[in-house]
Amino acid sequence: QRLIETTRPDIVKKFAPVLKEDANVIFQYIHQCNSQTPS
């Protein structure tokens, strides 16, 4: 999750107006999607 925060801070800027309070949810979602084995 920290890697995504460090390398792609622009993602939060894009979705910050939608998720006003907890922009960290975006990083958690991306991390969860990438940590799963493809089906």
C-alpha atoms as a PDB file:
ATOM      1  CA  GLN A   1       0.000   0.000   0.000  1.00  0.00           C
ATOM      2  CA  ARG A   2       2.806   2.424   0.816  1.00  0.00           C
ATOM      3  CA  LEU A   3       4.430   1.731  -2.532  1.00  0.00           C
ATOM      4  CA  ILE A   4       1.310   2.848  -4.354  1.00  0.00           C
ATOM      5  CA  GLU A   5       1.044   5.952  -2.164  1.00  0.00           C
ATOM      6  CA  THR A   6       4.640   6.864  -2.940  1.00  0.00           C
ATOM      7  CA  THR A   7       4.679   6.129  -6.647  1.00  0.00           C
ATOM      8  CA  ARG A   8       1.168   7.259  -7.658  1.00  0.00           C
ATOM      9  CA  PRO A   9      -0.039  10.182  -5.516  1.00  0.00           C
ATOM     10  CA  ASP A  10      -1.931  11.489  -8.557  1.00  0.00           C
ATOM     11  CA  ILE A  11      -4.541   8.753  -8.121  1.00  0.00           C
ATOM     12  CA  VAL A  12      -5.719  10.251  -4.833  1.00  0.00           C
ATOM     13  CA  LYS A  13      -5.868  13.731  -6.322  1.00  0.00           C
ATOM     14  CA  LYS A  14      -8.181  12.417  -9.017  1.00  0.00           C
ATOM     15  CA  PHE A  15     -10.643  10.770  -6.616  1.00  0.00           C
ATOM     16  CA  ALA A  16     -10.285  13.069  -3.586  1.00  0.00           C
ATOM     17  CA  PRO A  17     -13.440  15.102  -4.348  1.00  0.00           C
ATOM     18  CA  VAL A  18     -15.513  11.910  -4.306  1.00  0.00           C
ATOM     19  CA  LEU A  19     -13.970  10.442  -1.139  1.00  0.00           C
ATOM     20  CA  LYS A  20     -13.612  13.585   0.925  1.00  0.00           C
ATOM     21  CA  GLU A  21     -12.917  12.072   4.312  1.00  0.00           C
ATOM     22  CA  ASP A  22     -10.935   8.907   3.654  1.00  0.00           C
ATOM     23  CA  ALA A  23      -8.818   9.046   0.520  1.00  0.00           C
ATOM     24  CA  ASN A  24      -6.743   6.171   1.919  1.00  0.00           C
ATOM     25  CA  VAL A  25      -9.521   3.805   0.814  1.00  0.00           C
ATOM     26  CA  ILE A  26      -8.300   4.175  -2.768  1.00  0.00           C
ATOM     27  CA  PHE A  27      -4.858   2.832  -1.909  1.00  0.00           C
ATOM     28  CA  GLN A  28      -6.344  -0.011   0.113  1.00  0.00           C
ATOM     29  CA  TYR A  29      -8.612  -0.978  -2.775  1.00  0.00           C
ATOM     30  CA  ILE A  30      -5.766  -0.975  -5.312  1.00  0.00           C
ATOM     31  CA  HIS A  31      -3.610  -2.999  -2.942  1.00  0.00           C
ATOM     32  CA  GLN A  32      -6.339  -5.600  -2.413  1.00  0.00           C
ATOM     33  CA  CYS A  33      -6.969  -5.904  -6.153  1.00  0.00           C
ATOM     34  CA  ASN A  34      -3.287  -6.419  -6.889  1.00  0.00           C
ATOM     35  CA  SER A  35      -2.638  -8.851  -4.048  1.00  0.00           C
ATOM     36  CA  GLN A  36      -5.223 -11.409  -5.187  1.00  0.00           C
ATOM     37  CA  THR A  37      -4.306 -14.292  -7.479  1.00  0.00           C
ATOM     38  CA  PRO A  38      -5.891 -13.921 -10.906  1.00  0.00           C
ATOM     39  CA  SER A  39      -8.798 -16.232 -11.517  1.00  0.00           C
END
